[in-house]
Amino acid sequence: MRPSPKPVVGITFLLAVAAAQSPPATDLRERIETLRADRSDLARRYDVPMSAERRTRLLVRMQQERRELDALEFQKLAPDARIDWLLLDNHVRRSLHELQHEAARDAELVDLLPFAATIIDLAESKRRLEDVTPRQAAAEITEVVRLAEQVRRDLGQGRFATIAPALPARAATRVAALRQTLRQWFEFRDGYDPQFSWWARTPLRAADEALTALYDTLRAFAPAGEDRTLIGDPVGEEVLLRDLAFEWIPYAPGELVAIAEREFAWCDAEMAQAATAMGCKDWRAALEQVKQRHREPGEQPALIRELAHEAIDFLEQRDLITIPALAKECWRMNMMSREGQRTNPFFLGGETILVSFPTDAMAHIEKLQALRSNNEHFCRATVHHELIPGHWLQQYSQARHRTYREPFDTPFWIEGWALYWEMRLYDLGFAKGPEDKIGMLYWRKHRCARIVFSLNFHLGRWTGPQCVEYLIDRVGHERAAAEGEVRRSVGGLYPPLYQAAYMLGGLQLRALQHELVRPEGLSEKAFHDAVLRQNSIPIAVLRAALQKTPVPRQLAAWRFADS
């Protein structure tokens, strides 16, 4: 028999070890870097998915960090160290909540994954370098096969017809991880231990096949007539409120939807004026004209190059921000694959801008929709969003300023900054005519819509298909682009607040710019440079860092959208 699993290492012992390795109390940068390194080490050591032992070990480390932060004399910290304290304390509290939330979500999958405990036990035994009894191991793997096949039969027979629609896809993700974990457990001894290979190889092959088949069944599982890729996994209001609190955003989801609708109304009024200037009866007719103005196949890279250089020239002529020569030199461009455009129908970017445009492998209707979705006037906002002054300039700065703050990365700073520049350049006249205004406003409406549909989805009020129809009707998306946008938003690739973070982060930065840029305050260029040098942090904490008043341990609620 294989030895019984050893108990989790004692909490008292773990705390003693952690305390002995803690950095000096007042060196927040070193403390942040030490915690990041510790978490990285622990993640490699305790790498079994769904493992209670893994979660316990991480909880212990984060709880110990929180106690030590609470014990620091905050008032004695330098201003920058106070900012780091706020960020680290928030990061620790958020990590503790996420570990608990992960455990609760995994508990919902017990009936779909009855074999998980066996795979976890085998993998943790390997991690502890325990001896294996090959015959017993083969029997346990065979039981995994039986249970996986039973779940698959039950799914086919309708036993799970009443479960939440999101659970099968979530379970499929865990099945894929558990299958890989079982293979790694097997490969550790296969070929080195003849007895082990003799007993375990055939059962392992059967388990691999059974888990693969179950994964496919779970991925395909959907209520009759529904597109599996649009079902998503709503998190509920409690999680949204918790995540908003960790971003220091004192608004309820309903209030944020109201803010988005207010911004929508402004966009509608601006679009109506631009449509009139184009001689169109309404914004839909103007949008249709704009969508037809695209480059021919093969010519899109030239357009992107032109727009990138134009944005840089516009910024430098007005002395709005520091653009290092190396940043201007080192960005690159690649084209998005057909498959990539199923979830990213528009551009992605950073150091390399990924350009969505039709490929020759697309069906005719796909080509037409991709051309219309990536027309010349839409690109006027997307290129500077992805490159300079947007994501690429952010990445350039993040690699050079306060790099130790990497754990505190937030989409409200990342996406909010790029969206802020869309608004700022619009105000400064970057649009050359009404067609450009329609293109730029389309994107701003798109970000308003992201708040509305993503929050309504995660509140359980809208389904994925309803979100698609909303984008088509309210923003003017092509159907393929709307479906891709919703897949990206609800498919689990991004946190629940990510899509709302574009517009909300942009509004936060705009409000902060109005506070700080004035004759007796910062210049606009100084403000923009200062934002980048703080690295990616919640905007409310950025505000505390840039103000001249002492940084408090408890930040006052900042109602950035009320004025």
Protein backbone atom coordinates (compact mmCIF):
# COMPACT_ATOMS: atom_id res chain seq x y z
CA MET A 1 0.00 0.00 0.00
CA ARG A 2 1.07 3.59 -0.66
CA PRO A 3 1.83 5.43 2.61
CA SER A 4 -1.01 7.58 3.92
CA PRO A 5 -0.75 11.28 3.00
CA LYS A 6 1.16 13.28 5.53
CA PRO A 7 -0.76 16.06 7.30
CA VAL A 8 -0.34 19.69 6.31
CA VAL A 9 2.72 21.20 7.96
CA GLY A 10 1.80 22.87 11.25
CA ILE A 11 0.60 26.46 11.06
CA THR A 12 2.73 27.54 14.03
CA PHE A 13 5.87 26.17 12.41
CA LEU A 14 5.09 27.87 9.08
CA LEU A 15 4.54 31.22 10.78
CA ALA A 16 7.80 30.90 12.66
CA VAL A 17 9.71 30.20 9.44
CA ALA A 18 8.04 33.11 7.64
CA ALA A 19 8.73 35.54 10.49
CA ALA A 20 12.40 34.59 10.54
CA GLN A 21 12.66 35.44 6.84
CA SER A 22 10.71 38.74 6.91
CA PRO A 23 12.44 41.87 5.57
CA PRO A 24 13.05 44.95 7.75
CA ALA A 25 9.75 46.48 8.90
CA THR A 26 10.13 49.86 7.20
CA ASP A 27 11.55 48.71 3.84
CA LEU A 28 8.34 48.33 1.88
CA ARG A 29 10.01 47.78 -1.47
CA GLU A 30 12.03 44.87 -0.14
CA ARG A 31 8.93 43.52 1.61
CA ILE A 32 6.95 43.62 -1.64
CA GLU A 33 9.74 41.92 -3.57
CA THR A 34 10.14 39.28 -0.86
CA LEU A 35 6.43 38.46 -0.87
CA ARG A 36 6.41 38.20 -4.65
CA ALA A 37 9.39 35.82 -4.54
CA ASP A 38 7.82 33.78 -1.74
CA ARG A 39 4.57 33.41 -3.65
CA SER A 40 6.45 32.37 -6.75
CA ASP A 41 8.36 29.72 -4.79
CA LEU A 42 5.20 28.47 -3.11
CA ALA A 43 3.34 28.32 -6.41
CA ARG A 44 6.07 26.07 -7.84
CA ARG A 45 6.25 23.89 -4.72
CA TYR A 46 2.49 23.60 -4.24
CA ASP A 47 1.36 23.32 -7.85
CA VAL A 48 -1.49 20.80 -7.68
CA PRO A 49 -4.79 22.28 -8.95
CA MET A 50 -7.74 22.24 -6.52
CA SER A 51 -5.40 21.30 -3.66
CA ALA A 52 -6.54 22.25 -0.17
CA GLU A 53 -2.94 22.00 0.99
CA ARG A 54 -1.85 24.51 -1.63
CA ARG A 55 -4.50 26.99 -0.54
CA THR A 56 -3.67 26.49 3.14
CA ARG A 57 0.01 27.16 2.56
CA LEU A 58 -0.70 30.36 0.61
CA LEU A 59 -3.25 31.51 3.19
CA VAL A 60 -0.68 31.09 5.95
CA ARG A 61 1.87 33.19 4.08
CA MET A 62 -0.60 35.97 3.30
CA GLN A 63 -2.05 36.01 6.83
CA GLN A 64 1.43 36.36 8.26
CA GLU A 65 2.12 39.27 5.88
CA ARG A 66 -1.05 41.01 6.91
CA ARG A 67 -0.26 40.78 10.62
CA GLU A 68 3.18 42.27 10.06
CA LEU A 69 1.75 45.11 7.95
CA ASP A 70 -0.78 45.89 10.67
CA ALA A 71 2.07 46.11 13.19
CA LEU A 72 4.01 48.74 11.23
CA GLU A 73 3.96 52.34 12.44
CA PHE A 74 2.30 53.88 9.39
CA GLN A 75 2.85 57.49 10.49
CA LYS A 76 6.62 56.97 10.53
CA LEU A 77 6.74 55.84 6.89
CA ALA A 78 7.96 58.17 4.15
CA PRO A 79 5.29 59.34 1.63
CA ASP A 80 6.25 56.82 -1.06
CA ALA A 81 6.44 54.03 1.52
CA ARG A 82 2.92 54.92 2.68
CA ILE A 83 1.70 54.41 -0.87
CA ASP A 84 3.47 51.06 -0.96
CA TRP A 85 1.86 50.12 2.37
CA LEU A 86 -1.61 50.85 1.01
CA LEU A 87 -0.90 48.84 -2.12
CA LEU A 88 0.59 45.86 -0.30
CA ASP A 89 -2.12 45.75 2.36
CA ASN A 90 -4.80 45.82 -0.34
CA HIS A 91 -2.97 43.15 -2.33
CA VAL A 92 -2.75 40.85 0.68
CA ARG A 93 -6.41 41.27 1.62
CA ARG A 94 -7.44 40.70 -2.00
CA SER A 95 -5.31 37.57 -2.23
CA LEU A 96 -6.91 36.13 0.90
CA HIS A 97 -10.39 36.75 -0.51
CA GLU A 98 -9.45 35.21 -3.85
CA LEU A 99 -8.13 32.04 -2.22
CA GLN A 100 -11.36 31.65 -0.28
CA HIS A 101 -13.44 32.39 -3.37
CA GLU A 102 -11.47 29.84 -5.37
CA ALA A 103 -12.21 27.18 -2.73
CA ALA A 104 -15.93 27.98 -2.83
CA ARG A 105 -16.02 27.77 -6.64
CA ASP A 106 -14.17 24.45 -6.67
CA ALA A 107 -16.62 23.08 -4.10
CA GLU A 108 -19.41 23.64 -6.62
CA LEU A 109 -17.72 21.15 -8.98
CA VAL A 110 -17.63 18.13 -6.65
CA ASP A 111 -20.37 16.21 -8.46
CA LEU A 112 -18.82 16.83 -11.88
CA LEU A 113 -15.29 15.94 -10.73
CA PRO A 114 -15.62 12.99 -8.27
CA PHE A 115 -12.17 11.71 -9.31
CA ALA A 116 -10.36 14.97 -8.48
CA ALA A 117 -9.43 13.95 -4.93
CA THR A 118 -7.65 10.82 -6.19
CA ILE A 119 -5.56 12.74 -8.72
CA ILE A 120 -4.76 15.43 -6.15
CA ASP A 121 -3.69 12.78 -3.63
CA LEU A 122 -1.40 11.06 -6.14
CA ALA A 123 0.19 14.34 -7.24
CA GLU A 124 0.77 15.57 -3.69
CA SER A 125 2.35 12.24 -2.80
CA LYS A 126 4.81 12.78 -5.67
CA ARG A 127 5.49 16.33 -4.50
CA ARG A 128 6.34 14.97 -1.03
CA LEU A 129 8.62 12.38 -2.72
CA GLU A 130 6.80 9.50 -1.09
CA ASP A 131 7.25 5.91 -2.24
CA VAL A 132 4.62 4.38 -4.53
CA THR A 133 3.09 0.92 -4.51
CA PRO A 134 2.64 0.34 -8.28
CA ARG A 135 -0.26 -2.11 -8.03
CA GLN A 136 -2.21 0.18 -5.72
CA ALA A 137 -1.49 3.16 -7.95
CA ALA A 138 -2.87 1.26 -10.96
CA ALA A 139 -6.04 0.51 -9.02
CA GLU A 140 -6.49 4.18 -8.13
CA ILE A 141 -6.00 5.29 -11.73
CA THR A 142 -8.54 2.70 -12.85
CA GLU A 143 -11.01 4.22 -10.40
CA VAL A 144 -10.41 7.61 -12.00
CA VAL A 145 -11.37 6.06 -15.34
CA ARG A 146 -14.57 4.60 -13.90
CA LEU A 147 -15.66 7.87 -12.29
CA ALA A 148 -14.85 10.01 -15.35
CA GLU A 149 -16.79 7.68 -17.62
CA GLN A 150 -19.73 7.68 -15.19
CA VAL A 151 -19.91 11.48 -15.18
CA ARG A 152 -19.83 11.47 -18.97
CA ARG A 153 -22.71 8.98 -19.12
CA ASP A 154 -24.67 11.02 -16.58
CA LEU A 155 -24.23 14.14 -18.67
CA GLY A 156 -25.51 12.32 -21.73
CA GLN A 157 -28.51 10.98 -19.83
CA GLY A 158 -29.56 14.39 -18.51
CA ARG A 159 -28.67 13.91 -14.84
CA PHE A 160 -27.02 17.35 -14.74
CA ALA A 161 -29.73 19.17 -16.71
CA THR A 162 -30.56 21.44 -13.75
CA ILE A 163 -27.06 22.61 -12.85
CA ALA A 164 -25.97 26.20 -13.48
CA PRO A 165 -25.07 26.59 -17.18
CA ALA A 166 -21.63 27.97 -16.28
CA LEU A 167 -20.46 24.94 -14.29
CA PRO A 168 -19.64 22.50 -17.14
CA ALA A 169 -17.20 24.92 -18.80
CA ARG A 170 -15.59 25.70 -15.44
CA ALA A 171 -15.33 21.96 -14.73
CA ALA A 172 -13.76 21.40 -18.16
CA THR A 173 -10.98 23.84 -17.28
CA ARG A 174 -10.28 21.87 -14.11
CA VAL A 175 -10.40 18.54 -15.98
CA ALA A 176 -7.72 19.78 -18.37
CA ALA A 177 -5.49 20.80 -15.45
CA LEU A 178 -6.07 17.53 -13.59
CA ARG A 179 -5.33 15.48 -16.71
CA GLN A 180 -2.01 17.27 -17.11
CA THR A 181 -1.26 16.78 -13.42
CA LEU A 182 -1.92 13.04 -13.69
CA ARG A 183 0.37 12.75 -16.71
CA GLN A 184 3.16 14.57 -14.88
CA TRP A 185 2.74 12.25 -11.90
CA PHE A 186 3.02 9.23 -14.20
CA GLU A 187 5.98 10.52 -16.22
CA PHE A 188 8.01 11.07 -13.06
CA ARG A 189 8.44 7.28 -12.63
CA ASP A 190 7.65 5.87 -16.06
CA GLY A 191 10.73 4.25 -17.56
CA TYR A 192 12.72 4.59 -14.34
CA ASP A 193 10.70 2.13 -12.27
CA PRO A 194 9.96 -1.05 -14.30
CA GLN A 195 7.33 -2.28 -11.85
CA PHE A 196 5.56 1.07 -11.93
CA SER A 197 5.49 1.20 -15.74
CA TRP A 198 4.25 -2.41 -15.96
CA TRP A 199 1.32 -1.70 -13.64
CA ALA A 200 0.44 1.90 -14.39
CA ARG A 201 1.01 2.52 -18.11
CA THR A 202 -2.16 0.93 -19.45
CA PRO A 203 -4.46 2.40 -16.76
CA LEU A 204 -2.86 5.80 -17.35
CA ARG A 205 -3.59 5.60 -21.07
CA ALA A 206 -7.21 4.75 -20.29
CA ALA A 207 -7.45 7.62 -17.79
CA ASP A 208 -6.00 10.04 -20.30
CA GLU A 209 -8.60 9.00 -22.86
CA ALA A 210 -11.45 9.15 -20.34
CA LEU A 211 -10.48 12.60 -19.10
CA THR A 212 -10.07 13.90 -22.66
CA ALA A 213 -13.52 12.59 -23.59
CA LEU A 214 -15.04 14.13 -20.46
CA TYR A 215 -13.36 17.44 -21.23
CA ASP A 216 -14.86 17.45 -24.73
CA THR A 217 -18.30 16.59 -23.37
CA LEU A 218 -18.16 19.32 -20.75
CA ARG A 219 -16.97 21.92 -23.26
CA ALA A 220 -19.85 21.05 -25.60
CA PHE A 221 -22.50 20.89 -22.87
CA ALA A 222 -25.11 23.64 -23.26
CA PRO A 223 -28.85 24.14 -22.95
CA ALA A 224 -30.69 23.32 -26.16
CA GLY A 225 -30.21 25.94 -28.85
CA GLU A 226 -27.58 28.01 -26.98
CA ASP A 227 -24.05 28.85 -28.12
CA ARG A 228 -21.72 27.36 -25.51
CA THR A 229 -19.15 30.11 -26.07
CA LEU A 230 -21.64 32.82 -25.08
CA ILE A 231 -22.86 31.28 -21.81
CA GLY A 232 -20.08 32.62 -19.58
CA ASP A 233 -19.82 32.46 -15.80
CA PRO A 234 -21.60 35.32 -13.93
CA VAL A 235 -20.03 36.11 -10.55
CA GLY A 236 -22.90 37.95 -8.84
CA GLU A 237 -23.23 41.30 -7.08
CA GLU A 238 -21.30 40.34 -3.94
CA VAL A 239 -18.14 39.61 -5.93
CA LEU A 240 -18.53 42.78 -8.00
CA LEU A 241 -18.85 44.91 -4.86
CA ARG A 242 -15.84 43.23 -3.30
CA ASP A 243 -13.71 43.78 -6.42
CA LEU A 244 -14.81 47.42 -6.64
CA ALA A 245 -13.77 47.92 -3.03
CA PHE A 246 -10.31 46.56 -3.81
CA GLU A 247 -10.06 49.22 -6.55
CA TRP A 248 -11.16 51.94 -4.07
CA ILE A 249 -14.22 52.62 -6.22
CA PRO A 250 -17.14 53.70 -3.96
CA TYR A 251 -19.93 53.03 -6.45
CA ALA A 252 -22.41 50.16 -6.65
CA PRO A 253 -22.80 48.37 -10.01
CA GLY A 254 -26.11 50.12 -10.66
CA GLU A 255 -24.47 53.51 -10.16
CA LEU A 256 -21.73 52.59 -12.62
CA VAL A 257 -24.31 51.64 -15.23
CA ALA A 258 -25.91 55.07 -14.71
CA ILE A 259 -22.51 56.73 -15.22
CA ALA A 260 -22.09 54.79 -18.46
CA GLU A 261 -25.53 55.88 -19.67
CA ARG A 262 -24.62 59.51 -18.96
CA GLU A 263 -21.47 59.15 -21.05
CA PHE A 264 -23.52 57.41 -23.72
CA ALA A 265 -25.82 60.44 -23.93
CA TRP A 266 -22.82 62.72 -24.53
CA CYS A 267 -21.57 60.41 -27.27
CA ASP A 268 -25.00 60.30 -28.89
CA ALA A 269 -25.16 64.11 -29.03
CA GLU A 270 -21.66 64.37 -30.51
CA MET A 271 -22.41 61.64 -33.05
CA ALA A 272 -25.60 63.40 -34.11
CA GLN A 273 -23.62 66.59 -34.83
CA ALA A 274 -21.00 64.66 -36.81
CA ALA A 275 -23.70 62.83 -38.77
CA THR A 276 -25.30 66.15 -39.69
CA ALA A 277 -21.93 67.48 -40.86
CA MET A 278 -21.63 64.39 -43.10
CA GLY A 279 -25.09 65.02 -44.55
CA CYS A 280 -26.55 61.88 -42.96
CA LYS A 281 -29.99 61.59 -41.40
CA ASP A 282 -28.73 59.93 -38.20
CA TRP A 283 -25.70 58.32 -36.55
CA ARG A 284 -26.49 54.89 -37.98
CA ALA A 285 -26.35 56.19 -41.54
CA ALA A 286 -23.11 58.03 -40.76
CA LEU A 287 -21.63 54.90 -39.18
CA GLU A 288 -22.54 52.89 -42.27
CA GLN A 289 -20.65 55.35 -44.49
CA VAL A 290 -17.61 55.20 -42.21
CA LYS A 291 -17.58 51.38 -42.17
CA GLN A 292 -17.28 51.31 -45.97
CA ARG A 293 -14.07 53.37 -45.94
CA HIS A 294 -11.41 50.75 -45.44
CA ARG A 295 -8.07 49.98 -47.01
CA GLU A 296 -7.76 47.23 -49.57
CA PRO A 297 -6.37 43.79 -48.57
CA GLY A 298 -2.65 44.06 -47.97
CA GLU A 299 -2.71 47.81 -47.30
CA GLN A 300 -3.69 47.85 -43.62
CA PRO A 301 -0.12 47.82 -42.22
CA ALA A 302 0.66 51.04 -44.09
CA LEU A 303 -2.38 52.72 -42.52
CA ILE A 304 -1.35 51.63 -39.05
CA ARG A 305 2.18 52.95 -39.58
CA GLU A 306 0.84 56.33 -40.75
CA LEU A 307 -1.52 56.68 -37.80
CA ALA A 308 1.17 55.69 -35.28
CA HIS A 309 3.55 58.38 -36.53
CA GLU A 310 0.75 60.94 -36.76
CA ALA A 311 -0.20 60.42 -33.10
CA ILE A 312 3.41 60.80 -31.97
CA ASP A 313 3.81 64.02 -33.96
CA PHE A 314 0.54 65.37 -32.52
CA LEU A 315 1.70 64.76 -28.94
CA GLU A 316 5.18 66.20 -29.43
CA GLN A 317 3.98 69.32 -31.21
CA ARG A 318 1.80 70.11 -28.18
CA ASP A 319 4.41 68.98 -25.61
CA LEU A 320 1.84 66.76 -23.87
CA ILE A 321 4.07 63.94 -22.66
CA THR A 322 7.68 62.75 -22.71
CA ILE A 323 8.21 60.16 -25.46
CA PRO A 324 11.69 58.59 -25.22
CA ALA A 325 13.47 57.96 -28.53
CA LEU A 326 13.74 54.25 -27.77
CA ALA A 327 9.98 54.02 -27.27
CA LYS A 328 9.44 55.53 -30.70
CA GLU A 329 11.96 53.11 -32.20
CA CYS A 330 11.07 49.75 -30.68
CA TRP A 331 7.37 49.06 -31.27
CA ARG A 332 6.44 46.35 -33.76
CA MET A 333 3.45 45.12 -35.75
CA ASN A 334 1.93 41.69 -36.43
CA MET A 335 -1.32 40.55 -37.99
CA MET A 336 -4.06 38.78 -36.01
CA SER A 337 -4.90 35.22 -37.05
CA ARG A 338 -8.36 34.22 -38.20
CA GLU A 339 -8.89 32.24 -35.00
CA GLY A 340 -7.63 35.13 -32.88
CA GLN A 341 -10.20 37.41 -34.46
CA ARG A 342 -13.02 35.21 -33.13
CA THR A 343 -12.41 36.70 -29.68
CA ASN A 344 -10.46 39.84 -30.69
CA PRO A 345 -12.25 41.31 -33.71
CA PHE A 346 -10.35 44.58 -33.27
CA PHE A 347 -6.73 45.40 -32.41
CA LEU A 348 -4.62 44.28 -29.48
CA GLY A 349 -1.39 45.97 -28.58
CA GLY A 350 1.48 47.02 -26.47
CA GLU A 351 5.05 46.67 -27.67
CA THR A 352 3.60 44.76 -30.66
CA ILE A 353 0.34 45.97 -32.17
CA LEU A 354 -1.74 43.03 -33.41
CA VAL A 355 -3.84 44.14 -36.36
CA SER A 356 -7.22 42.56 -37.09
CA PHE A 357 -8.00 42.47 -40.81
CA PRO A 358 -9.45 39.81 -43.16
CA THR A 359 -7.36 36.75 -43.96
CA ASP A 360 -7.72 34.76 -47.17
CA ALA A 361 -8.98 31.74 -45.16
CA MET A 362 -12.08 33.60 -43.94
CA ALA A 363 -15.50 32.99 -45.38
CA HIS A 364 -16.80 35.81 -47.58
CA ILE A 365 -19.12 37.22 -44.90
CA GLU A 366 -16.28 37.09 -42.34
CA LYS A 367 -14.05 39.10 -44.67
CA LEU A 368 -16.68 41.78 -45.19
CA GLN A 369 -17.38 42.14 -41.47
CA ALA A 370 -13.67 42.30 -40.65
CA LEU A 371 -13.15 45.02 -43.27
CA ARG A 372 -16.06 47.05 -41.92
CA SER A 373 -14.98 46.60 -38.29
CA ASN A 374 -11.43 47.79 -38.99
CA ASN A 375 -12.04 50.72 -41.31
CA GLU A 376 -9.78 53.76 -41.57
CA HIS A 377 -11.73 55.97 -39.18
CA PHE A 378 -12.13 53.34 -36.45
CA CYS A 379 -8.35 52.89 -36.59
CA ARG A 380 -7.76 56.56 -35.72
CA ALA A 381 -8.52 55.75 -32.08
CA THR A 382 -7.25 52.17 -31.86
CA VAL A 383 -3.66 52.79 -33.01
CA HIS A 384 -2.73 55.43 -30.43
CA HIS A 385 -4.66 53.39 -27.81
CA GLU A 386 -2.38 50.40 -28.42
CA LEU A 387 0.94 52.14 -29.09
CA ILE A 388 1.84 55.74 -28.12
CA PRO A 389 0.67 57.29 -25.84
CA GLY A 390 -1.25 54.11 -24.94
CA HIS A 391 -0.19 50.62 -24.00
CA TRP A 392 3.28 50.53 -25.51
CA LEU A 393 4.36 53.74 -23.77
CA GLN A 394 2.90 52.32 -20.55
CA GLN A 395 4.90 49.11 -20.91
CA TYR A 396 8.05 51.06 -21.69
CA SER A 397 7.59 53.09 -18.50
CA GLN A 398 6.58 50.12 -16.35
CA ALA A 399 9.88 48.42 -17.20
CA ARG A 400 11.79 51.48 -15.90
CA HIS A 401 9.86 53.05 -13.01
CA ARG A 402 8.90 51.42 -9.68
CA THR A 403 9.14 47.98 -11.23
CA TYR A 404 8.57 46.34 -7.85
CA ARG A 405 4.91 47.41 -8.04
CA GLU A 406 4.20 44.78 -10.69
CA PRO A 407 1.96 42.72 -8.32
CA PHE A 408 -0.47 45.65 -8.03
CA ASP A 409 -1.27 45.78 -11.75
CA THR A 410 -4.85 46.90 -12.47
CA PRO A 411 -6.89 47.32 -15.68
CA PHE A 412 -8.21 50.63 -14.35
CA TRP A 413 -4.70 52.04 -14.85
CA ILE A 414 -3.75 49.94 -17.89
CA GLU A 415 -6.92 50.32 -19.92
CA GLY A 416 -8.03 53.56 -18.26
CA TRP A 417 -4.86 55.34 -19.41
CA ALA A 418 -5.36 54.34 -23.04
CA LEU A 419 -9.04 55.31 -22.91
CA TYR A 420 -8.17 58.62 -21.21
CA TRP A 421 -6.00 59.47 -24.21
CA GLU A 422 -8.83 58.66 -26.60
CA MET A 423 -10.91 61.27 -24.77
CA ARG A 424 -8.07 63.77 -24.46
CA LEU A 425 -7.05 63.61 -28.13
CA TYR A 426 -10.67 63.95 -29.19
CA ASP A 427 -10.95 67.12 -27.10
CA LEU A 428 -7.72 68.45 -28.64
CA GLY A 429 -8.94 68.00 -32.21
CA PHE A 430 -7.11 64.84 -33.29
CA ALA A 431 -10.11 63.97 -35.49
CA LYS A 432 -9.60 65.58 -38.91
CA GLY A 433 -13.25 65.65 -39.88
CA PRO A 434 -16.71 64.33 -38.99
CA GLU A 435 -15.85 60.84 -40.29
CA ASP A 436 -12.95 60.62 -37.84
CA LYS A 437 -15.25 61.85 -35.08
CA ILE A 438 -17.73 59.08 -35.86
CA GLY A 439 -14.89 56.55 -35.73
CA MET A 440 -13.54 57.83 -32.42
CA LEU A 441 -17.00 58.15 -30.87
CA TYR A 442 -17.84 54.61 -31.94
CA TRP A 443 -15.04 53.43 -29.68
CA ARG A 444 -16.14 55.61 -26.79
CA LYS A 445 -19.69 54.25 -27.11
CA HIS A 446 -18.17 50.78 -27.20
CA ARG A 447 -16.51 51.40 -23.81
CA CYS A 448 -19.76 52.78 -22.36
CA ALA A 449 -21.50 49.65 -23.59
CA ARG A 450 -18.87 47.45 -21.97
CA ILE A 451 -19.83 48.83 -18.56
CA VAL A 452 -23.52 48.29 -19.21
CA PHE A 453 -23.46 44.79 -20.65
CA SER A 454 -20.62 43.31 -18.58
CA LEU A 455 -22.10 44.43 -15.26
CA ASN A 456 -25.61 43.36 -16.24
CA PHE A 457 -24.20 39.99 -17.29
CA HIS A 458 -22.32 39.43 -14.04
CA LEU A 459 -25.36 40.56 -12.04
CA GLY A 460 -27.27 37.75 -13.75
CA ARG A 461 -29.67 40.12 -15.52
CA TRP A 462 -28.53 39.58 -19.11
CA THR A 463 -27.44 36.48 -21.03
CA GLY A 464 -24.55 36.38 -23.49
CA PRO A 465 -26.86 36.52 -26.54
CA GLN A 466 -28.67 39.52 -25.03
CA CYS A 467 -25.29 41.27 -24.70
CA VAL A 468 -24.59 40.58 -28.38
CA GLU A 469 -27.88 42.13 -29.48
CA TYR A 470 -27.27 45.14 -27.24
CA LEU A 471 -23.89 45.83 -28.88
CA ILE A 472 -25.36 45.55 -32.36
CA ASP A 473 -28.30 47.84 -31.56
CA ARG A 474 -26.69 50.39 -29.25
CA VAL A 475 -23.16 50.71 -30.65
CA GLY A 476 -23.49 49.52 -34.24
CA HIS A 477 -21.23 46.46 -34.11
CA GLU A 478 -21.11 43.94 -36.89
CA ARG A 479 -22.56 40.67 -35.57
CA ALA A 480 -19.24 38.81 -35.73
CA ALA A 481 -17.54 41.65 -33.84
CA ALA A 482 -20.30 41.73 -31.21
CA GLU A 483 -20.08 37.97 -30.65
CA GLY A 484 -16.29 38.16 -30.40
CA GLU A 485 -16.55 40.99 -27.89
CA VAL A 486 -18.97 39.05 -25.70
CA ARG A 487 -16.90 35.86 -25.89
CA ARG A 488 -13.88 37.88 -24.75
CA SER A 489 -15.86 39.43 -21.92
CA VAL A 490 -17.73 36.44 -20.47
CA GLY A 491 -15.45 33.53 -21.33
CA GLY A 492 -13.27 33.74 -18.23
CA LEU A 493 -10.20 35.22 -19.95
CA TYR A 494 -10.60 38.50 -18.06
CA PRO A 495 -11.68 39.43 -14.50
CA PRO A 496 -15.32 40.54 -14.09
CA LEU A 497 -14.52 44.27 -13.92
CA TYR A 498 -12.00 44.30 -16.76
CA GLN A 499 -14.33 45.55 -19.50
CA ALA A 500 -15.81 48.24 -17.25
CA ALA A 501 -12.29 49.39 -16.33
CA TYR A 502 -11.66 51.07 -19.70
CA MET A 503 -14.20 53.86 -19.36
CA LEU A 504 -14.16 54.01 -15.56
CA GLY A 505 -10.38 54.22 -15.40
CA GLY A 506 -10.43 56.87 -18.11
CA LEU A 507 -12.99 58.89 -16.18
CA GLN A 508 -10.88 58.59 -13.03
CA LEU A 509 -7.78 59.87 -14.82
CA ARG A 510 -9.74 62.68 -16.46
CA ALA A 511 -11.11 63.75 -13.06
CA LEU A 512 -7.61 63.60 -11.59
CA GLN A 513 -6.22 65.67 -14.46
CA HIS A 514 -8.87 68.31 -13.79
CA GLU A 515 -7.85 68.37 -10.11
CA LEU A 516 -4.08 68.63 -10.59
CA VAL A 517 -3.45 70.40 -13.92
CA ARG A 518 -3.90 74.12 -13.34
CA PRO A 519 -1.68 77.23 -13.23
CA GLU A 520 -0.69 76.69 -9.60
CA GLY A 521 -0.42 72.92 -9.98
CA LEU A 522 1.17 70.50 -12.45
CA SER A 523 1.58 71.18 -16.14
CA GLU A 524 -0.21 68.72 -18.39
CA LYS A 525 3.07 67.13 -19.46
CA ALA A 526 4.25 66.83 -15.86
CA PHE A 527 0.95 65.21 -14.91
CA HIS A 528 1.15 62.62 -17.67
CA ASP A 529 4.78 61.80 -16.93
CA ALA A 530 4.03 61.46 -13.21
CA VAL A 531 1.18 59.01 -13.87
CA LEU A 532 3.50 56.73 -15.84
CA ARG A 533 6.26 56.88 -13.22
CA GLN A 534 3.96 55.55 -10.49
CA ASN A 535 3.47 52.31 -12.47
CA SER A 536 0.16 50.43 -12.65
CA ILE A 537 -1.78 51.02 -9.42
CA PRO A 538 -5.42 51.79 -8.55
CA ILE A 539 -6.23 55.35 -9.59
CA ALA A 540 -7.42 56.38 -6.11
CA VAL A 541 -3.98 55.46 -4.74
CA LEU A 542 -2.32 57.22 -7.67
CA ARG A 543 -4.31 60.30 -6.67
CA ALA A 544 -2.98 60.07 -3.11
CA ALA A 545 0.57 59.72 -4.45
CA LEU A 546 0.32 62.83 -6.66
CA GLN A 547 -1.39 65.11 -4.16
CA LYS A 548 0.77 67.27 -1.91
CA THR A 549 -1.15 66.38 1.26
CA PRO A 550 0.03 63.63 3.67
CA VAL A 551 -1.07 60.13 2.65
CA PRO A 552 -3.59 58.71 5.17
CA ARG A 553 -3.83 55.07 6.19
CA GLN A 554 -7.52 55.06 5.18
CA LEU A 555 -8.23 56.81 1.88
CA ALA A 556 -11.41 58.85 1.80
CA ALA A 557 -14.02 57.74 -0.73
CA TRP A 558 -13.39 59.48 -4.05
CA ARG A 559 -16.62 60.04 -5.99
CA PHE A 560 -14.74 60.85 -9.18
CA ALA A 561 -17.81 60.87 -11.43
CA ASP A 562 -20.10 63.05 -9.32
CA SER A 563 -19.00 66.46 -10.55
